[in-house]
mmCIF file of all heavy atoms, coordinates in Angstrom:
data_MODEL
# 
_entry.id   MODEL 
# 
loop_
_atom_site.group_PDB 
_atom_site.id 
_atom_site.type_symbol 
_atom_site.label_atom_id 
_atom_site.label_alt_id 
_atom_site.label_comp_id 
_atom_site.label_asym_id 
_atom_site.label_entity_id 
_atom_site.label_seq_id 
_atom_site.pdbx_PDB_ins_code 
_atom_site.Cartn_x 
_atom_site.Cartn_y 
_atom_site.Cartn_z 
_atom_site.occupancy 
_atom_site.B_iso_or_equiv 
_atom_site.pdbx_formal_charge 
_atom_site.auth_seq_id 
_atom_site.auth_comp_id 
_atom_site.auth_asym_id 
_atom_site.auth_atom_id 
_atom_site.pdbx_PDB_model_num 
ATOM 1   N N   . ALA A 1 1  ? 0.837  -1.206  0.000   1.00 0.00 ? 1  ALA A N   1 
ATOM 2   C CA  . ALA A 1 1  ? 0.000  0.000   0.000   1.00 0.00 ? 1  ALA A CA  1 
ATOM 3   C C   . ALA A 1 1  ? 0.869  1.252   0.000   1.00 0.00 ? 1  ALA A C   1 
ATOM 4   O O   . ALA A 1 1  ? 0.612  2.208   -0.747  1.00 0.00 ? 1  ALA A O   1 
ATOM 5   C CB  . ALA A 1 1  ? -0.926 -0.009  1.211   1.00 0.00 ? 1  ALA A CB  1 
ATOM 6   N N   . SER A 1 2  ? 1.907  1.258   0.829   1.00 0.00 ? 2  SER A N   1 
ATOM 7   C CA  . SER A 1 2  ? 2.821  2.409   0.890   1.00 0.00 ? 2  SER A CA  1 
ATOM 8   C C   . SER A 1 2  ? 3.520  2.602   -0.450  1.00 0.00 ? 2  SER A C   1 
ATOM 9   O O   . SER A 1 2  ? 3.636  3.731   -0.950  1.00 0.00 ? 2  SER A O   1 
ATOM 10  C CB  . SER A 1 2  ? 3.852  2.193   2.002   1.00 0.00 ? 2  SER A CB  1 
ATOM 11  O OG  . SER A 1 2  ? 3.230  2.063   3.257   1.00 0.00 ? 2  SER A OG  1 
ATOM 12  N N   . ALA A 1 3  ? 3.998  1.496   -1.040  1.00 0.00 ? 3  ALA A N   1 
ATOM 13  C CA  . ALA A 1 3  ? 4.680  1.576   -2.334  1.00 0.00 ? 3  ALA A CA  1 
ATOM 14  C C   . ALA A 1 3  ? 3.733  2.079   -3.417  1.00 0.00 ? 3  ALA A C   1 
ATOM 15  O O   . ALA A 1 3  ? 4.135  2.861   -4.290  1.00 0.00 ? 3  ALA A O   1 
ATOM 16  C CB  . ALA A 1 3  ? 5.248  0.205   -2.706  1.00 0.00 ? 3  ALA A CB  1 
ATOM 17  N N   . SER A 1 4  ? 2.480  1.645   -3.366  1.00 0.00 ? 4  SER A N   1 
ATOM 18  C CA  . SER A 1 4  ? 1.505  2.071   -4.368  1.00 0.00 ? 4  SER A CA  1 
ATOM 19  C C   . SER A 1 4  ? 1.193  3.558   -4.234  1.00 0.00 ? 4  SER A C   1 
ATOM 20  O O   . SER A 1 4  ? 1.078  4.274   -5.238  1.00 0.00 ? 4  SER A O   1 
ATOM 21  C CB  . SER A 1 4  ? 0.220  1.260   -4.227  1.00 0.00 ? 4  SER A CB  1 
ATOM 22  O OG  . SER A 1 4  ? 0.456  -0.112  -4.491  1.00 0.00 ? 4  SER A OG  1 
ATOM 23  N N   . ILE A 1 5  ? 1.058  4.019   -2.993  1.00 0.00 ? 5  ILE A N   1 
ATOM 24  C CA  . ILE A 1 5  ? 0.851  5.455   -2.771  1.00 0.00 ? 5  ILE A CA  1 
ATOM 25  C C   . ILE A 1 5  ? 2.048  6.233   -3.309  1.00 0.00 ? 5  ILE A C   1 
ATOM 26  O O   . ILE A 1 5  ? 1.896  7.276   -3.961  1.00 0.00 ? 5  ILE A O   1 
ATOM 27  C CB  . ILE A 1 5  ? 0.633  5.744   -1.275  1.00 0.00 ? 5  ILE A CB  1 
ATOM 28  C CG1 . ILE A 1 5  ? -0.726 5.182   -0.815  1.00 0.00 ? 5  ILE A CG1 1 
ATOM 29  C CG2 . ILE A 1 5  ? 0.708  7.243   -0.986  1.00 0.00 ? 5  ILE A CG2 1 
ATOM 30  C CD1 . ILE A 1 5  ? -0.927 5.222   0.688   1.00 0.00 ? 5  ILE A CD1 1 
ATOM 31  N N   . GLY A 1 6  ? 3.244  5.729   -3.047  1.00 0.00 ? 6  GLY A N   1 
ATOM 32  C CA  . GLY A 1 6  ? 4.447  6.377   -3.560  1.00 0.00 ? 6  GLY A CA  1 
ATOM 33  C C   . GLY A 1 6  ? 4.460  6.427   -5.071  1.00 0.00 ? 6  GLY A C   1 
ATOM 34  O O   . GLY A 1 6  ? 4.808  7.453   -5.676  1.00 0.00 ? 6  GLY A O   1 
ATOM 35  N N   . ALA A 1 7  ? 4.064  5.326   -5.714  1.00 0.00 ? 7  ALA A N   1 
ATOM 36  C CA  . ALA A 1 7  ? 4.045  5.279   -7.178  1.00 0.00 ? 7  ALA A CA  1 
ATOM 37  C C   . ALA A 1 7  ? 3.053  6.300   -7.741  1.00 0.00 ? 7  ALA A C   1 
ATOM 38  O O   . ALA A 1 7  ? 3.351  6.994   -8.719  1.00 0.00 ? 7  ALA A O   1 
ATOM 39  C CB  . ALA A 1 7  ? 3.672  3.875   -7.648  1.00 0.00 ? 7  ALA A CB  1 
ATOM 40  N N   . LEU A 1 8  ? 1.890  6.402   -7.112  1.00 0.00 ? 8  LEU A N   1 
ATOM 41  C CA  . LEU A 1 8  ? 0.873  7.342   -7.601  1.00 0.00 ? 8  LEU A CA  1 
ATOM 42  C C   . LEU A 1 8  ? 1.318  8.790   -7.437  1.00 0.00 ? 8  LEU A C   1 
ATOM 43  O O   . LEU A 1 8  ? 1.157  9.611   -8.358  1.00 0.00 ? 8  LEU A O   1 
ATOM 44  C CB  . LEU A 1 8  ? -0.440 7.106   -6.863  1.00 0.00 ? 8  LEU A CB  1 
ATOM 45  C CG  . LEU A 1 8  ? -1.161 5.789   -7.176  1.00 0.00 ? 8  LEU A CG  1 
ATOM 46  C CD1 . LEU A 1 8  ? -2.345 5.588   -6.247  1.00 0.00 ? 8  LEU A CD1 1 
ATOM 47  C CD2 . LEU A 1 8  ? -1.616 5.762   -8.634  1.00 0.00 ? 8  LEU A CD2 1 
ATOM 48  N N   . LEU A 1 9  ? 1.878  9.112   -6.280  1.00 0.00 ? 9  LEU A N   1 
ATOM 49  C CA  . LEU A 1 9  ? 2.313  10.489  -6.055  1.00 0.00 ? 9  LEU A CA  1 
ATOM 50  C C   . LEU A 1 9  ? 3.513  10.836  -6.936  1.00 0.00 ? 9  LEU A C   1 
ATOM 51  O O   . LEU A 1 9  ? 3.628  11.967  -7.425  1.00 0.00 ? 9  LEU A O   1 
ATOM 52  C CB  . LEU A 1 9  ? 2.649  10.692  -4.580  1.00 0.00 ? 9  LEU A CB  1 
ATOM 53  C CG  . LEU A 1 9  ? 1.465  10.561  -3.613  1.00 0.00 ? 9  LEU A CG  1 
ATOM 54  C CD1 . LEU A 1 9  ? 1.923  10.787  -2.180  1.00 0.00 ? 9  LEU A CD1 1 
ATOM 55  C CD2 . LEU A 1 9  ? 0.348  11.539  -3.974  1.00 0.00 ? 9  LEU A CD2 1 
ATOM 56  N N   . GLU A 1 10 ? 4.404  9.876   -7.136  1.00 0.00 ? 10 GLU A N   1 
ATOM 57  C CA  . GLU A 1 10 ? 5.540  10.108  -8.027  1.00 0.00 ? 10 GLU A CA  1 
ATOM 58  C C   . GLU A 1 10 ? 5.059  10.371  -9.447  1.00 0.00 ? 10 GLU A C   1 
ATOM 59  O O   . GLU A 1 10 ? 5.594  11.230  -10.159 1.00 0.00 ? 10 GLU A O   1 
ATOM 60  C CB  . GLU A 1 10 ? 6.477  8.905   -7.992  1.00 0.00 ? 10 GLU A CB  1 
ATOM 61  C CG  . GLU A 1 10 ? 7.777  9.103   -8.758  1.00 0.00 ? 10 GLU A CG  1 
ATOM 62  C CD  . GLU A 1 10 ? 8.698  7.905   -8.615  1.00 0.00 ? 10 GLU A CD  1 
ATOM 63  O OE1 . GLU A 1 10 ? 8.417  6.873   -9.242  1.00 0.00 ? 10 GLU A OE1 1 
ATOM 64  O OE2 . GLU A 1 10 ? 9.693  7.999   -7.874  1.00 0.00 ? 10 GLU A OE2 1 
ATOM 65  N N   . ASN A 1 11 ? 4.023  9.643   -9.864  1.00 0.00 ? 11 ASN A N   1 
ATOM 66  C CA  . ASN A 1 11 ? 3.480  9.845   -11.198 1.00 0.00 ? 11 ASN A CA  1 
ATOM 67  C C   . ASN A 1 11 ? 2.688  11.142  -11.321 1.00 0.00 ? 11 ASN A C   1 
ATOM 68  O O   . ASN A 1 11 ? 2.301  11.528  -12.431 1.00 0.00 ? 11 ASN A O   1 
ATOM 69  C CB  . ASN A 1 11 ? 2.609  8.648   -11.592 1.00 0.00 ? 11 ASN A CB  1 
ATOM 70  C CG  . ASN A 1 11 ? 3.413  7.501   -12.172 1.00 0.00 ? 11 ASN A CG  1 
ATOM 71  O OD1 . ASN A 1 11 ? 3.715  7.481   -13.359 1.00 0.00 ? 11 ASN A OD1 1 
ATOM 72  N ND2 . ASN A 1 11 ? 3.794  6.563   -11.331 1.00 0.00 ? 11 ASN A ND2 1 
ATOM 73  N N   . ARG A 1 12 ? 2.453  11.783  -10.205 1.00 0.00 ? 12 ARG A N   1 
ATOM 74  C CA  . ARG A 1 12 ? 1.846  13.118  -10.226 1.00 0.00 ? 12 ARG A CA  1 
ATOM 75  C C   . ARG A 1 12 ? 2.913  14.210  -10.272 1.00 0.00 ? 12 ARG A C   1 
ATOM 76  O O   . ARG A 1 12 ? 2.615  15.393  -10.146 1.00 0.00 ? 12 ARG A O   1 
ATOM 77  C CB  . ARG A 1 12 ? 0.942  13.308  -9.012  1.00 0.00 ? 12 ARG A CB  1 
ATOM 78  C CG  . ARG A 1 12 ? -0.255 12.361  -8.967  1.00 0.00 ? 12 ARG A CG  1 
ATOM 79  C CD  . ARG A 1 12 ? -1.138 12.617  -7.759  1.00 0.00 ? 12 ARG A CD  1 
ATOM 80  N NE  . ARG A 1 12 ? -1.988 13.777  -7.965  1.00 0.00 ? 12 ARG A NE  1 
ATOM 81  C CZ  . ARG A 1 12 ? -3.256 13.733  -8.407  1.00 0.00 ? 12 ARG A CZ  1 
ATOM 82  N NH1 . ARG A 1 12 ? -3.820 12.559  -8.678  1.00 0.00 ? 12 ARG A NH1 1 
ATOM 83  N NH2 . ARG A 1 12 ? -3.959 14.833  -8.570  1.00 0.00 ? 12 ARG A NH2 1 
ATOM 84  N N   . GLY A 1 13 ? 4.179  13.798  -10.417 1.00 0.00 ? 13 GLY A N   1 
ATOM 85  C CA  . GLY A 1 13 ? 5.274  14.751  -10.550 1.00 0.00 ? 13 GLY A CA  1 
ATOM 86  C C   . GLY A 1 13 ? 5.956  15.130  -9.262  1.00 0.00 ? 13 GLY A C   1 
ATOM 87  O O   . GLY A 1 13 ? 6.751  16.072  -9.219  1.00 0.00 ? 13 GLY A O   1 
ATOM 88  N N   . LEU A 1 14 ? 5.677  14.399  -8.175  1.00 0.00 ? 14 LEU A N   1 
ATOM 89  C CA  . LEU A 1 14 ? 6.255  14.718  -6.874  1.00 0.00 ? 14 LEU A CA  1 
ATOM 90  C C   . LEU A 1 14 ? 7.503  13.876  -6.607  1.00 0.00 ? 14 LEU A C   1 
ATOM 91  O O   . LEU A 1 14 ? 7.599  12.721  -7.027  1.00 0.00 ? 14 LEU A O   1 
ATOM 92  C CB  . LEU A 1 14 ? 5.219  14.480  -5.772  1.00 0.00 ? 14 LEU A CB  1 
ATOM 93  C CG  . LEU A 1 14 ? 3.956  15.346  -5.864  1.00 0.00 ? 14 LEU A CG  1 
ATOM 94  C CD1 . LEU A 1 14 ? 2.877  14.813  -4.939  1.00 0.00 ? 14 LEU A CD1 1 
ATOM 95  C CD2 . LEU A 1 14 ? 4.273  16.801  -5.533  1.00 0.00 ? 14 LEU A CD2 1 
ATOM 96  N N   . ASN A 1 15 ? 8.428  14.479  -5.892  1.00 0.00 ? 15 ASN A N   1 
ATOM 97  C CA  . ASN A 1 15 ? 9.645  13.779  -5.477  1.00 0.00 ? 15 ASN A CA  1 
ATOM 98  C C   . ASN A 1 15 ? 9.360  13.120  -4.134  1.00 0.00 ? 15 ASN A C   1 
ATOM 99  O O   . ASN A 1 15 ? 9.075  13.802  -3.148  1.00 0.00 ? 15 ASN A O   1 
ATOM 100 C CB  . ASN A 1 15 ? 10.799 14.779  -5.363  1.00 0.00 ? 15 ASN A CB  1 
ATOM 101 C CG  . ASN A 1 15 ? 12.112 14.096  -5.064  1.00 0.00 ? 15 ASN A CG  1 
ATOM 102 O OD1 . ASN A 1 15 ? 12.256 12.893  -5.196  1.00 0.00 ? 15 ASN A OD1 1 
ATOM 103 N ND2 . ASN A 1 15 ? 13.089 14.885  -4.631  1.00 0.00 ? 15 ASN A ND2 1 
ATOM 104 N N   . ILE A 1 16 ? 9.432  11.777  -4.093  1.00 0.00 ? 16 ILE A N   1 
ATOM 105 C CA  . ILE A 1 16 ? 9.012  11.066  -2.884  1.00 0.00 ? 16 ILE A CA  1 
ATOM 106 C C   . ILE A 1 16 ? 10.134 10.179  -2.339  1.00 0.00 ? 16 ILE A C   1 
ATOM 107 O O   . ILE A 1 16 ? 11.091 9.847   -3.044  1.00 0.00 ? 16 ILE A O   1 
ATOM 108 C CB  . ILE A 1 16 ? 7.756  10.211  -3.146  1.00 0.00 ? 16 ILE A CB  1 
ATOM 109 C CG1 . ILE A 1 16 ? 8.049  9.089   -4.173  1.00 0.00 ? 16 ILE A CG1 1 
ATOM 110 C CG2 . ILE A 1 16 ? 6.620  11.076  -3.675  1.00 0.00 ? 16 ILE A CG2 1 
ATOM 111 C CD1 . ILE A 1 16 ? 8.245  7.738   -3.586  1.00 0.00 ? 16 ILE A CD1 1 
ATOM 112 N N   . THR A 1 17 ? 9.999  9.819   -1.078  1.00 0.00 ? 17 THR A N   1 
ATOM 113 C CA  . THR A 1 17 ? 10.822 8.760   -0.504  1.00 0.00 ? 17 THR A CA  1 
ATOM 114 C C   . THR A 1 17 ? 9.966  7.995   0.490   1.00 0.00 ? 17 THR A C   1 
ATOM 115 O O   . THR A 1 17 ? 8.864  8.452   0.859   1.00 0.00 ? 17 THR A O   1 
ATOM 116 C CB  . THR A 1 17 ? 12.085 9.306   0.185   1.00 0.00 ? 17 THR A CB  1 
ATOM 117 O OG1 . THR A 1 17 ? 12.981 8.209   0.443   1.00 0.00 ? 17 THR A OG1 1 
ATOM 118 C CG2 . THR A 1 17 ? 11.771 9.993   1.509   1.00 0.00 ? 17 THR A CG2 1 
ATOM 119 N N   . LEU A 1 18 ? 10.430 6.817   0.882   1.00 0.00 ? 18 LEU A N   1 
ATOM 120 C CA  . LEU A 1 18 ? 9.686  5.973   1.810   1.00 0.00 ? 18 LEU A CA  1 
ATOM 121 C C   . LEU A 1 18 ? 10.595 5.493   2.929   1.00 0.00 ? 18 LEU A C   1 
ATOM 122 O O   . LEU A 1 18 ? 11.800 5.280   2.717   1.00 0.00 ? 18 LEU A O   1 
ATOM 123 C CB  . LEU A 1 18 ? 9.078  4.770   1.089   1.00 0.00 ? 18 LEU A CB  1 
ATOM 124 C CG  . LEU A 1 18 ? 8.079  5.105   -0.033  1.00 0.00 ? 18 LEU A CG  1 
ATOM 125 C CD1 . LEU A 1 18 ? 8.753  4.955   -1.384  1.00 0.00 ? 18 LEU A CD1 1 
ATOM 126 C CD2 . LEU A 1 18 ? 6.842  4.212   0.029   1.00 0.00 ? 18 LEU A CD2 1 
ATOM 127 N N   . ILE A 1 19 ? 10.030 5.336   4.107   1.00 0.00 ? 19 ILE A N   1 
ATOM 128 C CA  . ILE A 1 19 ? 10.776 4.888   5.283   1.00 0.00 ? 19 ILE A CA  1 
ATOM 129 C C   . ILE A 1 19 ? 10.001 3.754   5.941   1.00 0.00 ? 19 ILE A C   1 
ATOM 130 O O   . ILE A 1 19 ? 8.772  3.807   6.042   1.00 0.00 ? 19 ILE A O   1 
ATOM 131 C CB  . ILE A 1 19 ? 10.959 6.036   6.297   1.00 0.00 ? 19 ILE A CB  1 
ATOM 132 C CG1 . ILE A 1 19 ? 11.698 7.211   5.654   1.00 0.00 ? 19 ILE A CG1 1 
ATOM 133 C CG2 . ILE A 1 19 ? 11.698 5.560   7.553   1.00 0.00 ? 19 ILE A CG2 1 
ATOM 134 C CD1 . ILE A 1 19 ? 11.699 8.470   6.513   1.00 0.00 ? 19 ILE A CD1 1 
ATOM 135 N N   . LYS A 1 20 ? 10.731 2.735   6.388   1.00 0.00 ? 20 LYS A N   1 
ATOM 136 C CA  . LYS A 1 20 ? 10.095 1.636   7.124   1.00 0.00 ? 20 LYS A CA  1 
ATOM 137 C C   . LYS A 1 20 ? 10.631 1.641   8.555   1.00 0.00 ? 20 LYS A C   1 
ATOM 138 O O   . LYS A 1 20 ? 11.834 1.611   8.783   1.00 0.00 ? 20 LYS A O   1 
ATOM 139 C CB  . LYS A 1 20 ? 10.420 0.282   6.454   1.00 0.00 ? 20 LYS A CB  1 
ATOM 140 C CG  . LYS A 1 20 ? 9.863  -0.941  7.198   1.00 0.00 ? 20 LYS A CG  1 
ATOM 141 C CD  . LYS A 1 20 ? 8.348  -1.005  7.140   1.00 0.00 ? 20 LYS A CD  1 
ATOM 142 C CE  . LYS A 1 20 ? 7.789  -2.182  7.934   1.00 0.00 ? 20 LYS A CE  1 
ATOM 143 N NZ  . LYS A 1 20 ? 8.097  -3.491  7.341   1.00 0.00 ? 20 LYS A NZ  1 
ATOM 144 N N   . LEU A 1 21 ? 9.711  1.675   9.528   1.00 0.00 ? 21 LEU A N   1 
ATOM 145 C CA  . LEU A 1 21 ? 10.059 1.592   10.941  1.00 0.00 ? 21 LEU A CA  1 
ATOM 146 C C   . LEU A 1 21 ? 9.640  0.219   11.454  1.00 0.00 ? 21 LEU A C   1 
ATOM 147 O O   . LEU A 1 21 ? 8.458  -0.131  11.393  1.00 0.00 ? 21 LEU A O   1 
ATOM 148 C CB  . LEU A 1 21 ? 9.348  2.695   11.738  1.00 0.00 ? 21 LEU A CB  1 
ATOM 149 C CG  . LEU A 1 21 ? 9.597  4.134   11.282  1.00 0.00 ? 21 LEU A CG  1 
ATOM 150 C CD1 . LEU A 1 21 ? 8.754  5.105   12.101  1.00 0.00 ? 21 LEU A CD1 1 
ATOM 151 C CD2 . LEU A 1 21 ? 11.073 4.496   11.384  1.00 0.00 ? 21 LEU A CD2 1 
ATOM 152 N N   . ASP A 1 22 ? 10.602 -0.567  11.937  1.00 0.00 ? 22 ASP A N   1 
ATOM 153 C CA  . ASP A 1 22 ? 10.319 -1.930  12.388  1.00 0.00 ? 22 ASP A CA  1 
ATOM 154 C C   . ASP A 1 22 ? 10.482 -2.038  13.892  1.00 0.00 ? 22 ASP A C   1 
ATOM 155 O O   . ASP A 1 22 ? 11.523 -1.652  14.438  1.00 0.00 ? 22 ASP A O   1 
ATOM 156 C CB  . ASP A 1 22 ? 11.264 -2.921  11.701  1.00 0.00 ? 22 ASP A CB  1 
ATOM 157 C CG  . ASP A 1 22 ? 10.787 -3.285  10.304  1.00 0.00 ? 22 ASP A CG  1 
ATOM 158 O OD1 . ASP A 1 22 ? 9.623  -3.691  10.179  1.00 0.00 ? 22 ASP A OD1 1 
ATOM 159 O OD2 . ASP A 1 22 ? 11.570 -3.172  9.344   1.00 0.00 ? 22 ASP A OD2 1 
ATOM 160 N N   . PRO A 1 23 ? 9.502  -2.598  14.599  1.00 0.00 ? 23 PRO A N   1 
ATOM 161 C CA  . PRO A 1 23 ? 9.528  -2.603  16.069  1.00 0.00 ? 23 PRO A CA  1 
ATOM 162 C C   . PRO A 1 23 ? 10.482 -3.616  16.705  1.00 0.00 ? 23 PRO A C   1 
ATOM 163 O O   . PRO A 1 23 ? 10.723 -3.535  17.896  1.00 0.00 ? 23 PRO A O   1 
ATOM 164 C CB  . PRO A 1 23 ? 8.079  -2.955  16.450  1.00 0.00 ? 23 PRO A CB  1 
ATOM 165 C CG  . PRO A 1 23 ? 7.271  -2.763  15.221  1.00 0.00 ? 23 PRO A CG  1 
ATOM 166 C CD  . PRO A 1 23 ? 8.190  -3.030  14.089  1.00 0.00 ? 23 PRO A CD  1 
ATOM 167 N N   . TYR A 1 24 ? 11.002 -4.579  15.935  1.00 0.00 ? 24 TYR A N   1 
ATOM 168 C CA  . TYR A 1 24 ? 11.800 -5.618  16.587  1.00 0.00 ? 24 TYR A CA  1 
ATOM 169 C C   . TYR A 1 24 ? 13.149 -5.087  17.072  1.00 0.00 ? 24 TYR A C   1 
ATOM 170 O O   . TYR A 1 24 ? 13.649 -4.066  16.604  1.00 0.00 ? 24 TYR A O   1 
ATOM 171 C CB  . TYR A 1 24 ? 11.970 -6.844  15.691  1.00 0.00 ? 24 TYR A CB  1 
ATOM 172 C CG  . TYR A 1 24 ? 12.450 -6.569  14.275  1.00 0.00 ? 24 TYR A CG  1 
ATOM 173 C CD1 . TYR A 1 24 ? 13.772 -6.272  14.005  1.00 0.00 ? 24 TYR A CD1 1 
ATOM 174 C CD2 . TYR A 1 24 ? 11.564 -6.630  13.206  1.00 0.00 ? 24 TYR A CD2 1 
ATOM 175 C CE1 . TYR A 1 24 ? 14.209 -6.041  12.724  1.00 0.00 ? 24 TYR A CE1 1 
ATOM 176 C CE2 . TYR A 1 24 ? 11.985 -6.395  11.906  1.00 0.00 ? 24 TYR A CE2 1 
ATOM 177 C CZ  . TYR A 1 24 ? 13.306 -6.105  11.674  1.00 0.00 ? 24 TYR A CZ  1 
ATOM 178 O OH  . TYR A 1 24 ? 13.734 -5.861  10.391  1.00 0.00 ? 24 TYR A OH  1 
ATOM 179 N N   . ILE A 1 25 ? 13.735 -5.815  18.037  1.00 0.00 ? 25 ILE A N   1 
ATOM 180 C CA  . ILE A 1 25 ? 14.947 -5.352  18.720  1.00 0.00 ? 25 ILE A CA  1 
ATOM 181 C C   . ILE A 1 25 ? 16.213 -5.612  17.914  1.00 0.00 ? 25 ILE A C   1 
ATOM 182 O O   . ILE A 1 25 ? 17.251 -4.999  18.166  1.00 0.00 ? 25 ILE A O   1 
ATOM 183 C CB  . ILE A 1 25 ? 15.063 -6.013  20.119  1.00 0.00 ? 25 ILE A CB  1 
ATOM 184 C CG1 . ILE A 1 25 ? 13.802 -5.712  20.940  1.00 0.00 ? 25 ILE A CG1 1 
ATOM 185 C CG2 . ILE A 1 25 ? 16.275 -5.506  20.885  1.00 0.00 ? 25 ILE A CG2 1 
ATOM 186 C CD1 . ILE A 1 25 ? 13.550 -4.242  21.192  1.00 0.00 ? 25 ILE A CD1 1 
ATOM 187 N N   . ASN A 1 26 ? 16.172 -6.513  16.930  1.00 0.00 ? 26 ASN A N   1 
ATOM 188 C CA  . ASN A 1 26 ? 17.344 -6.718  16.072  1.00 0.00 ? 26 ASN A CA  1 
ATOM 189 C C   . ASN A 1 26 ? 17.775 -5.377  15.484  1.00 0.00 ? 26 ASN A C   1 
ATOM 190 O O   . ASN A 1 26 ? 16.949 -4.550  15.114  1.00 0.00 ? 26 ASN A O   1 
ATOM 191 C CB  . ASN A 1 26 ? 17.015 -7.671  14.936  1.00 0.00 ? 26 ASN A CB  1 
ATOM 192 C CG  . ASN A 1 26 ? 16.486 -9.007  15.413  1.00 0.00 ? 26 ASN A CG  1 
ATOM 193 O OD1 . ASN A 1 26 ? 15.412 -9.066  15.988  1.00 0.00 ? 26 ASN A OD1 1 
ATOM 194 N ND2 . ASN A 1 26 ? 17.232 -10.062 15.181  1.00 0.00 ? 26 ASN A ND2 1 
ATOM 195 N N   . VAL A 1 27 ? 19.081 -5.165  15.380  1.00 0.00 ? 27 VAL A N   1 
ATOM 196 C CA  . VAL A 1 27 ? 19.590 -3.936  14.776  1.00 0.00 ? 27 VAL A CA  1 
ATOM 197 C C   . VAL A 1 27 ? 19.162 -3.843  13.318  1.00 0.00 ? 27 VAL A C   1 
ATOM 198 O O   . VAL A 1 27 ? 18.817 -2.777  12.810  1.00 0.00 ? 27 VAL A O   1 
ATOM 199 C CB  . VAL A 1 27 ? 21.121 -3.848  14.919  1.00 0.00 ? 27 VAL A CB  1 
ATOM 200 C CG1 . VAL A 1 27 ? 21.680 -2.657  14.145  1.00 0.00 ? 27 VAL A CG1 1 
ATOM 201 C CG2 . VAL A 1 27 ? 21.498 -3.743  16.389  1.00 0.00 ? 27 VAL A CG2 1 
ATOM 202 N N   . ASP A 1 28 ? 19.181 -4.964  12.623  1.00 0.00 ? 28 ASP A N   1 
ATOM 203 C CA  . ASP A 1 28 ? 18.647 -5.071  11.266  1.00 0.00 ? 28 ASP A CA  1 
ATOM 204 C C   . ASP A 1 28 ? 18.274 -6.532  11.046  1.00 0.00 ? 28 ASP A C   1 
ATOM 205 O O   . ASP A 1 28 ? 18.582 -7.388  11.893  1.00 0.00 ? 28 ASP A O   1 
ATOM 206 C CB  . ASP A 1 28 ? 19.648 -4.552  10.209  1.00 0.00 ? 28 ASP A CB  1 
ATOM 207 C CG  . ASP A 1 28 ? 20.975 -5.302  10.228  1.00 0.00 ? 28 ASP A CG  1 
ATOM 208 O OD1 . ASP A 1 28 ? 20.965 -6.549  10.311  1.00 0.00 ? 28 ASP A OD1 1 
ATOM 209 O OD2 . ASP A 1 28 ? 22.029 -4.651  10.146  1.00 0.00 ? 28 ASP A OD2 1 
# 
């Protein structure tokens, strides 16, 4: 859903980026 929103807004001529926040304790 986030990627699709990004694709739609990018196709409207906007410069976008996306961030993922993960709750687990692993560093990555």
